[in-house]
Amino acid sequence: MVGRIVMGDDGRATGIEYLREGRWRFQRSRHVVVASYAIDTPRLLLMSSTQRFPDGLANRSGLVGKNLMVQLNQAVWDTIAEEVR
């Protein structure tokens, strides 16, 4: 699981850090996409603070992770041979 997004001096993402076998490792990346659902996206942004972004990435307003609303979806899918009305 990713622990934080690593930022370059120019303010752009250069990769990520993740924990494996008790050791933090760095994976360089040309592009970083944050798509971690309602809980882990704010966690990742807040954990990625730097001197340039002391309150976490994309958190200039201080609202990352606040006013959170999660939509749960419980669904069952099946294929039925006969028409159902």
PDB file of N, CA and C in Angstrom:
ATOM      1  N   MET A   1       0.848  -1.179   0.000  1.00  0.00           N
ATOM      2  CA  MET A   1       0.000   0.000   0.000  1.00  0.00           C
ATOM      3  C   MET A   1       0.892   1.240   0.000  1.00  0.00           C
ATOM      4  N   VAL A   2       0.506   2.209  -0.767  1.00  0.00           N
ATOM      5  CA  VAL A   2       1.267   3.449  -0.862  1.00  0.00           C
ATOM      6  C   VAL A   2       1.166   4.228   0.449  1.00  0.00           C
ATOM      7  N   GLY A   3       2.299   4.749   0.905  1.00  0.00           N
ATOM      8  CA  GLY A   3       2.339   5.524   2.142  1.00  0.00           C
ATOM      9  C   GLY A   3       2.326   7.016   1.898  1.00  0.00           C
ATOM     10  N   ARG A   4       2.934   7.446   0.786  1.00  0.00           N
ATOM     11  CA  ARG A   4       2.929   8.873   0.469  1.00  0.00           C
ATOM     12  C   ARG A   4       3.369   9.096  -0.969  1.00  0.00           C
ATOM     13  N   ILE A   5       2.971  10.239  -1.491  1.00  0.00           N
ATOM     14  CA  ILE A   5       3.376  10.673  -2.814  1.00  0.00           C
ATOM     15  C   ILE A   5       4.616  11.535  -2.639  1.00  0.00           C
ATOM     16  N   VAL A   6       5.640  11.273  -3.417  1.00  0.00           N
ATOM     17  CA  VAL A   6       6.893  12.025  -3.328  1.00  0.00           C
ATOM     18  C   VAL A   6       6.847  13.153  -4.356  1.00  0.00           C
ATOM     19  N   MET A   7       7.162  14.358  -3.891  1.00  0.00           N
ATOM     20  CA  MET A   7       7.111  15.544  -4.738  1.00  0.00           C
ATOM     21  C   MET A   7       8.519  16.047  -5.034  1.00  0.00           C
ATOM     22  N   GLY A   8       8.712  16.555  -6.253  1.00  0.00           N
ATOM     23  CA  GLY A   8       9.982  17.154  -6.631  1.00  0.00           C
ATOM     24  C   GLY A   8      10.041  18.616  -6.223  1.00  0.00           C
ATOM     25  N   ASP A   9      11.188  19.247  -6.430  1.00  0.00           N
ATOM     26  CA  ASP A   9      11.354  20.657  -6.088  1.00  0.00           C
ATOM     27  C   ASP A   9      10.436  21.562  -6.894  1.00  0.00           C
ATOM     28  N   ASP A  10      10.004  21.095  -8.060  1.00  0.00           N
ATOM     29  CA  ASP A  10       9.115  21.887  -8.911  1.00  0.00           C
ATOM     30  C   ASP A  10       7.644  21.757  -8.523  1.00  0.00           C
ATOM     31  N   GLY A  11       7.334  20.980  -7.465  1.00  0.00           N
ATOM     32  CA  GLY A  11       5.958  20.821  -7.015  1.00  0.00           C
ATOM     33  C   GLY A  11       5.192  19.753  -7.759  1.00  0.00           C
ATOM     34  N   ARG A  12       5.881  18.950  -8.554  1.00  0.00           N
ATOM     35  CA  ARG A  12       5.234  17.871  -9.304  1.00  0.00           C
ATOM     36  C   ARG A  12       5.586  16.529  -8.682  1.00  0.00           C
ATOM     37  N   ALA A  13       4.662  15.584  -8.783  1.00  0.00           N
ATOM     38  CA  ALA A  13       4.902  14.248  -8.246  1.00  0.00           C
ATOM     39  C   ALA A  13       5.997  13.548  -9.047  1.00  0.00           C
ATOM     40  N   THR A  14       6.906  12.901  -8.329  1.00  0.00           N
ATOM     41  CA  THR A  14       7.982  12.150  -8.985  1.00  0.00           C
ATOM     42  C   THR A  14       7.847  10.650  -8.763  1.00  0.00           C
ATOM     43  N   GLY A  15       6.987  10.248  -7.849  1.00  0.00           N
ATOM     44  CA  GLY A  15       6.791   8.833  -7.564  1.00  0.00           C
ATOM     45  C   GLY A  15       6.067   8.645  -6.246  1.00  0.00           C
ATOM     46  N   ILE A  16       6.173   7.429  -5.720  1.00  0.00           N
ATOM     47  CA  ILE A  16       5.490   7.106  -4.458  1.00  0.00           C
ATOM     48  C   ILE A  16       6.450   6.336  -3.556  1.00  0.00           C
ATOM     49  N   GLU A  17       6.127   6.321  -2.269  1.00  0.00           N
ATOM     50  CA  GLU A  17       6.833   5.481  -1.310  1.00  0.00           C
ATOM     51  C   GLU A  17       5.839   4.470  -0.764  1.00  0.00           C
ATOM     52  N   TYR A  18       6.283   3.234  -0.610  1.00  0.00           N
ATOM     53  CA  TYR A  18       5.424   2.189  -0.078  1.00  0.00           C
ATOM     54  C   TYR A  18       6.226   1.329   0.894  1.00  0.00           C
ATOM     55  N   LEU A  19       5.514   0.658   1.790  1.00  0.00           N
ATOM     56  CA  LEU A  19       6.153  -0.163   2.814  1.00  0.00           C
ATOM     57  C   LEU A  19       6.118  -1.622   2.369  1.00  0.00           C
ATOM     58  N   ARG A  20       7.288  -2.238   2.321  1.00  0.00           N
ATOM     59  CA  ARG A  20       7.361  -3.659   1.982  1.00  0.00           C
ATOM     60  C   ARG A  20       8.408  -4.311   2.865  1.00  0.00           C
ATOM     61  N   GLU A  21       8.005  -5.399   3.543  1.00  0.00           N
ATOM     62  CA  GLU A  21       8.893  -6.164   4.423  1.00  0.00           C
ATOM     63  C   GLU A  21       9.563  -5.279   5.465  1.00  0.00           C
ATOM     64  N   GLY A  22       8.793  -4.346   6.020  1.00  0.00           N
ATOM     65  CA  GLY A  22       9.283  -3.481   7.082  1.00  0.00           C
ATOM     66  C   GLY A  22      10.196  -2.352   6.636  1.00  0.00           C
ATOM     67  N   ARG A  23      10.325  -2.128   5.323  1.00  0.00           N
ATOM     68  CA  ARG A  23      11.226  -1.100   4.810  1.00  0.00           C
ATOM     69  C   ARG A  23      10.502  -0.223   3.805  1.00  0.00           C
ATOM     70  N   TRP A  24      10.717   1.093   3.913  1.00  0.00           N
ATOM     71  CA  TRP A  24      10.121   2.017   2.952  1.00  0.00           C
ATOM     72  C   TRP A  24      10.906   1.969   1.649  1.00  0.00           C
ATOM     73  N   ARG A  25      10.183   1.880   0.548  1.00  0.00           N
ATOM     74  CA  ARG A  25      10.809   1.825  -0.771  1.00  0.00           C
ATOM     75  C   ARG A  25      10.230   2.928  -1.647  1.00  0.00           C
ATOM     76  N   PHE A  26      11.008   3.366  -2.625  1.00  0.00           N
ATOM     77  CA  PHE A  26      10.593   4.427  -3.534  1.00  0.00           C
ATOM     78  C   PHE A  26      10.390   3.849  -4.929  1.00  0.00           C
ATOM     79  N   GLN A  27       9.285   4.214  -5.552  1.00  0.00           N
ATOM     80  CA  GLN A  27       9.018   3.825  -6.947  1.00  0.00           C
ATOM     81  C   GLN A  27       8.848   5.095  -7.764  1.00  0.00           C
ATOM     82  N   ARG A  28       9.820   5.374  -8.641  1.00  0.00           N
ATOM     83  CA  ARG A  28       9.735   6.546  -9.511  1.00  0.00           C
ATOM     84  C   ARG A  28       8.603   6.341 -10.500  1.00  0.00           C
ATOM     85  N   SER A  29       7.938   7.446 -10.844  1.00  0.00           N
ATOM     86  CA  SER A  29       6.828   7.373 -11.785  1.00  0.00           C
ATOM     87  C   SER A  29       6.727   8.675 -12.574  1.00  0.00           C
ATOM     88  N   ARG A  30       6.373   8.541 -13.823  1.00  0.00           N
ATOM     89  CA  ARG A  30       6.161   9.728 -14.654  1.00  0.00           C
ATOM     90  C   ARG A  30       4.802  10.355 -14.334  1.00  0.00           C
ATOM     91  N   HIS A  31       3.839   9.501 -13.969  1.00  0.00           N
ATOM     92  CA  HIS A  31       2.487   9.963 -13.632  1.00  0.00           C
ATOM     93  C   HIS A  31       2.055   9.283 -12.340  1.00  0.00           C
ATOM     94  N   VAL A  32       1.369  10.026 -11.494  1.00  0.00           N
ATOM     95  CA  VAL A  32       0.793   9.463 -10.274  1.00  0.00           C
ATOM     96  C   VAL A  32      -0.695   9.760 -10.296  1.00  0.00           C
ATOM     97  N   VAL A  33      -1.510   8.710 -10.234  1.00  0.00           N
ATOM     98  CA  VAL A  33      -2.965   8.846 -10.212  1.00  0.00           C
ATOM     99  C   VAL A  33      -3.449   8.439  -8.832  1.00  0.00           C
ATOM    100  N   VAL A  34      -4.198   9.309  -8.188  1.00  0.00           N
ATOM    101  CA  VAL A  34      -4.738   9.017  -6.861  1.00  0.00           C
ATOM    102  C   VAL A  34      -6.215   8.654  -7.035  1.00  0.00           C
ATOM    103  N   ALA A  35      -6.515   7.389  -6.852  1.00  0.00           N
ATOM    104  CA  ALA A  35      -7.887   6.890  -6.992  1.00  0.00           C
ATOM    105  C   ALA A  35      -8.100   5.830  -5.922  1.00  0.00           C
ATOM    106  N   SER A  36      -8.176   6.268  -4.675  1.00  0.00           N
ATOM    107  CA  SER A  36      -8.160   5.351  -3.540  1.00  0.00           C
ATOM    108  C   SER A  36      -9.444   5.358  -2.721  1.00  0.00           C
ATOM    109  N   TYR A  37     -10.554   5.785  -3.325  1.00  0.00           N
ATOM    110  CA  TYR A  37     -11.854   5.824  -2.676  1.00  0.00           C
ATOM    111  C   TYR A  37     -11.868   6.895  -1.580  1.00  0.00           C
ATOM    112  N   ALA A  38     -12.938   6.952  -0.846  1.00  0.00           N
ATOM    113  CA  ALA A  38     -13.220   8.072   0.045  1.00  0.00           C
ATOM    114  C   ALA A  38     -12.327   8.139   1.284  1.00  0.00           C
ATOM    115  N   ILE A  39     -11.778   7.036   1.711  1.00  0.00           N
ATOM    116  CA  ILE A  39     -10.965   7.042   2.928  1.00  0.00           C
ATOM    117  C   ILE A  39      -9.485   7.173   2.605  1.00  0.00           C
ATOM    118  N   ASP A  40      -8.986   6.346   1.695  1.00  0.00           N
ATOM    119  CA  ASP A  40      -7.547   6.333   1.439  1.00  0.00           C
ATOM    120  C   ASP A  40      -7.059   7.493   0.586  1.00  0.00           C
ATOM    121  N   THR A  41      -7.893   8.108  -0.236  1.00  0.00           N
ATOM    122  CA  THR A  41      -7.443   9.279  -1.002  1.00  0.00           C
ATOM    123  C   THR A  41      -7.072  10.426  -0.072  1.00  0.00           C
ATOM    124  N   PRO A  42      -7.945  10.843   0.879  1.00  0.00           N
ATOM    125  CA  PRO A  42      -7.524  11.895   1.809  1.00  0.00           C
ATOM    126  C   PRO A  42      -6.343  11.477   2.682  1.00  0.00           C
ATOM    127  N   ARG A  43      -6.296  10.216   3.098  1.00  0.00           N
ATOM    128  CA  ARG A  43      -5.175   9.733   3.912  1.00  0.00           C
ATOM    129  C   ARG A  43      -3.864   9.922   3.155  1.00  0.00           C
ATOM    130  N   LEU A  44      -3.851   9.523   1.891  1.00  0.00           N
ATOM    131  CA  LEU A  44      -2.645   9.628   1.088  1.00  0.00           C
ATOM    132  C   LEU A  44      -2.244  11.090   0.856  1.00  0.00           C
ATOM    133  N   LEU A  45      -3.206  11.946   0.579  1.00  0.00           N
ATOM    134  CA  LEU A  45      -2.909  13.370   0.374  1.00  0.00           C
ATOM    135  C   LEU A  45      -2.359  14.013   1.647  1.00  0.00           C
ATOM    136  N   LEU A  46      -2.945  13.698   2.790  1.00  0.00           N
ATOM    137  CA  LEU A  46      -2.489  14.271   4.057  1.00  0.00           C
ATOM    138  C   LEU A  46      -1.125  13.723   4.474  1.00  0.00           C
ATOM    139  N   MET A  47      -0.854  12.460   4.182  1.00  0.00           N
ATOM    140  CA  MET A  47       0.432  11.846   4.533  1.00  0.00           C
ATOM    141  C   MET A  47       1.567  12.336   3.630  1.00  0.00           C
ATOM    142  N   SER A  48       1.229  13.015   2.541  1.00  0.00           N
ATOM    143  CA  SER A  48       2.233  13.456   1.574  1.00  0.00           C
ATOM    144  C   SER A  48       2.658  14.902   1.780  1.00  0.00           C
ATOM    145  N   SER A  49       2.671  15.350   3.013  1.00  0.00           N
ATOM    146  CA  SER A  49       3.066  16.739   3.285  1.00  0.00           C
ATOM    147  C   SER A  49       4.565  16.919   3.031  1.00  0.00           C
ATOM    148  N   THR A  50       4.923  18.132   2.627  1.00  0.00           N
ATOM    149  CA  THR A  50       6.318  18.515   2.385  1.00  0.00           C
ATOM    150  C   THR A  50       6.496  19.933   2.915  1.00  0.00           C
ATOM    151  N   GLN A  51       7.699  20.497   2.780  1.00  0.00           N
ATOM    152  CA  GLN A  51       7.886  21.896   3.182  1.00  0.00           C
ATOM    153  C   GLN A  51       7.016  22.811   2.335  1.00  0.00           C
ATOM    154  N   ARG A  52       6.896  22.486   1.073  1.00  0.00           N
ATOM    155  CA  ARG A  52       6.092  23.309   0.164  1.00  0.00           C
ATOM    156  C   ARG A  52       4.592  23.131   0.418  1.00  0.00           C
ATOM    157  N   PHE A  53       4.190  21.927   0.843  1.00  0.00           N
ATOM    158  CA  PHE A  53       2.790  21.616   1.134  1.00  0.00           C
ATOM    159  C   PHE A  53       2.692  21.096   2.573  1.00  0.00           C
ATOM    160  N   PRO A  54       2.829  21.969   3.576  1.00  0.00           N
ATOM    161  CA  PRO A  54       2.909  21.519   4.972  1.00  0.00           C
ATOM    162  C   PRO A  54       1.631  20.873   5.504  1.00  0.00           C
ATOM    163  N   ASP A  55       0.492  21.172   4.909  1.00  0.00           N
ATOM    164  CA  ASP A  55      -0.767  20.585   5.376  1.00  0.00           C
ATOM    165  C   ASP A  55      -1.213  19.416   4.515  1.00  0.00           C
ATOM    166  N   GLY A  56      -0.351  18.923   3.642  1.00  0.00           N
ATOM    167  CA  GLY A  56      -0.682  17.820   2.747  1.00  0.00           C
ATOM    168  C   GLY A  56      -0.994  18.346   1.356  1.00  0.00           C
ATOM    169  N   LEU A  57      -0.988  17.441   0.402  1.00  0.00           N
ATOM    170  CA  LEU A  57      -1.244  17.823  -0.986  1.00  0.00           C
ATOM    171  C   LEU A  57      -2.704  18.223  -1.179  1.00  0.00           C
ATOM    172  N   ALA A  58      -2.923  19.225  -1.999  1.00  0.00           N
ATOM    173  CA  ALA A  58      -4.272  19.692  -2.354  1.00  0.00           C
ATOM    174  C   ALA A  58      -5.080  20.116  -1.134  1.00  0.00           C
ATOM    175  N   ASN A  59      -4.408  20.566  -0.084  1.00  0.00           N
ATOM    176  CA  ASN A  59      -5.109  20.892   1.164  1.00  0.00           C
ATOM    177  C   ASN A  59      -4.891  22.339   1.584  1.00  0.00           C
ATOM    178  N   ARG A  60      -4.765  23.231   0.660  1.00  0.00           N
ATOM    179  CA  ARG A  60      -4.586  24.645   0.997  1.00  0.00           C
ATOM    180  C   ARG A  60      -5.771  25.160   1.814  1.00  0.00           C
ATOM    181  N   SER A  61      -6.966  24.643   1.534  1.00  0.00           N
ATOM    182  CA  SER A  61      -8.171  25.087   2.239  1.00  0.00           C
ATOM    183  C   SER A  61      -8.325  24.424   3.606  1.00  0.00           C
ATOM    184  N   GLY A  62      -7.592  23.350   3.852  1.00  0.00           N
ATOM    185  CA  GLY A  62      -7.737  22.624   5.114  1.00  0.00           C
ATOM    186  C   GLY A  62      -8.948  21.704   5.142  1.00  0.00           C
ATOM    187  N   LEU A  63      -9.557  21.456   3.995  1.00  0.00           N
ATOM    188  CA  LEU A  63     -10.779  20.664   3.947  1.00  0.00           C
ATOM    189  C   LEU A  63     -10.591  19.228   3.473  1.00  0.00           C
ATOM    190  N   VAL A  64      -9.376  18.829   3.120  1.00  0.00           N
ATOM    191  CA  VAL A  64      -9.171  17.445   2.690  1.00  0.00           C
ATOM    192  C   VAL A  64      -9.499  16.511   3.852  1.00  0.00           C
ATOM    193  N   GLY A  65     -10.379  15.564   3.611  1.00  0.00           N
ATOM    194  CA  GLY A  65     -10.798  14.607   4.629  1.00  0.00           C
ATOM    195  C   GLY A  65     -11.930  15.092   5.522  1.00  0.00           C
ATOM    196  N   LYS A  66     -12.377  16.325   5.345  1.00  0.00           N
ATOM    197  CA  LYS A  66     -13.488  16.853   6.143  1.00  0.00           C
ATOM    198  C   LYS A  66     -14.782  16.727   5.337  1.00  0.00           C
ATOM    199  N   ASN A  67     -15.915  16.771   5.999  1.00  0.00           N
ATOM    200  CA  ASN A  67     -17.229  16.691   5.351  1.00  0.00           C
ATOM    201  C   ASN A  67     -17.315  15.472   4.434  1.00  0.00           C
ATOM    202  N   LEU A  68     -16.791  14.382   4.912  1.00  0.00           N
ATOM    203  CA  LEU A  68     -16.700  13.159   4.128  1.00  0.00           C
ATOM    204  C   LEU A  68     -18.042  12.439   4.075  1.00  0.00           C
ATOM    205  N   MET A  69     -18.447  12.031   2.893  1.00  0.00           N
ATOM    206  CA  MET A  69     -19.670  11.255   2.727  1.00  0.00           C
ATOM    207  C   MET A  69     -19.347  10.046   1.867  1.00  0.00           C
ATOM    208  N   VAL A  70     -19.649   8.872   2.372  1.00  0.00           N
ATOM    209  CA  VAL A  70     -19.374   7.634   1.651  1.00  0.00           C
ATOM    210  C   VAL A  70     -20.697   7.028   1.211  1.00  0.00           C
ATOM    211  N   GLN A  71     -20.764   6.641  -0.031  1.00  0.00           N
ATOM    212  CA  GLN A  71     -21.960   5.985  -0.562  1.00  0.00           C
ATOM    213  C   GLN A  71     -21.684   4.494  -0.661  1.00  0.00           C
ATOM    214  N   LEU A  72     -22.388   3.716   0.118  1.00  0.00           N
ATOM    215  CA  LEU A  72     -22.229   2.263   0.076  1.00  0.00           C
ATOM    216  C   LEU A  72     -23.191   1.677  -0.948  1.00  0.00           C
ATOM    217  N   ASN A  73     -22.783   0.634  -1.572  1.00  0.00           N
ATOM    218  CA  ASN A  73     -23.624  -0.031  -2.559  1.00  0.00           C
ATOM    219  C   ASN A  73     -23.572  -1.523  -2.299  1.00  0.00           C
ATOM    220  N   GLN A  74     -24.668  -2.063  -1.853  1.00  0.00           N
ATOM    221  CA  GLN A  74     -24.797  -3.506  -1.679  1.00  0.00           C
ATOM    222  C   GLN A  74     -25.609  -4.023  -2.856  1.00  0.00           C
ATOM    223  N   ALA A  75     -25.049  -4.882  -3.657  1.00  0.00           N
ATOM    224  CA  ALA A  75     -25.745  -5.339  -4.853  1.00  0.00           C
ATOM    225  C   ALA A  75     -25.498  -6.825  -5.069  1.00  0.00           C
ATOM    226  N   VAL A  76     -26.484  -7.450  -5.695  1.00  0.00           N
ATOM    227  CA  VAL A  76     -26.385  -8.852  -6.089  1.00  0.00           C
ATOM    228  C   VAL A  76     -26.767  -8.929  -7.554  1.00  0.00           C
ATOM    229  N   TRP A  77     -25.968  -9.638  -8.348  1.00  0.00           N
ATOM    230  CA  TRP A  77     -26.238  -9.793  -9.769  1.00  0.00           C
ATOM    231  C   TRP A  77     -26.427 -11.265 -10.075  1.00  0.00           C
ATOM    232  N   ASP A  78     -27.341 -11.530 -11.009  1.00  0.00           N
ATOM    233  CA  ASP A  78     -27.605 -12.910 -11.387  1.00  0.00           C
ATOM    234  C   ASP A  78     -28.098 -12.938 -12.827  1.00  0.00           C
ATOM    235  N   THR A  79     -28.017 -14.080 -13.446  1.00  0.00           N
ATOM    236  CA  THR A  79     -28.590 -14.291 -14.776  1.00  0.00           C
ATOM    237  C   THR A  79     -29.733 -15.267 -14.628  1.00  0.00           C
ATOM    238  N   ILE A  80     -30.903 -14.854 -15.134  1.00  0.00           N
ATOM    239  CA  ILE A  80     -32.095 -15.675 -15.022  1.00  0.00           C
ATOM    240  C   ILE A  80     -32.552 -16.033 -16.424  1.00  0.00           C
ATOM    241  N   ALA A  81     -32.854 -17.293 -16.622  1.00  0.00           N
ATOM    242  CA  ALA A  81     -33.231 -17.769 -17.960  1.00  0.00           C
ATOM    243  C   ALA A  81     -34.579 -17.222 -18.422  1.00  0.00           C
ATOM    244  N   GLU A  82     -35.489 -17.008 -17.484  1.00  0.00           N
ATOM    245  CA  GLU A  82     -36.836 -16.555 -17.852  1.00  0.00           C
ATOM    246  C   GLU A  82     -37.003 -15.078 -17.516  1.00  0.00           C
ATOM    247  N   GLU A  83     -37.883 -14.414 -18.232  1.00  0.00           N
ATOM    248  CA  GLU A  83     -38.163 -13.002 -17.986  1.00  0.00           C
ATOM    249  C   GLU A  83     -38.803 -12.816 -16.612  1.00  0.00           C
ATOM    250  N   VAL A  84     -38.373 -11.810 -15.894  1.00  0.00           N
ATOM    251  CA  VAL A  84     -38.902 -11.520 -14.567  1.00  0.00           C
ATOM    252  C   VAL A  84     -39.524 -10.137 -14.620  1.00  0.00           C
ATOM    253  N   ARG A  85     -40.780 -10.033 -14.147  1.00  0.00           N
ATOM    254  CA  ARG A  85     -41.471  -8.733 -14.091  1.00  0.00           C
ATOM    255  C   ARG A  85     -41.891  -8.440 -12.687  1.00  0.00           C
TER     256      ARG A  85
END
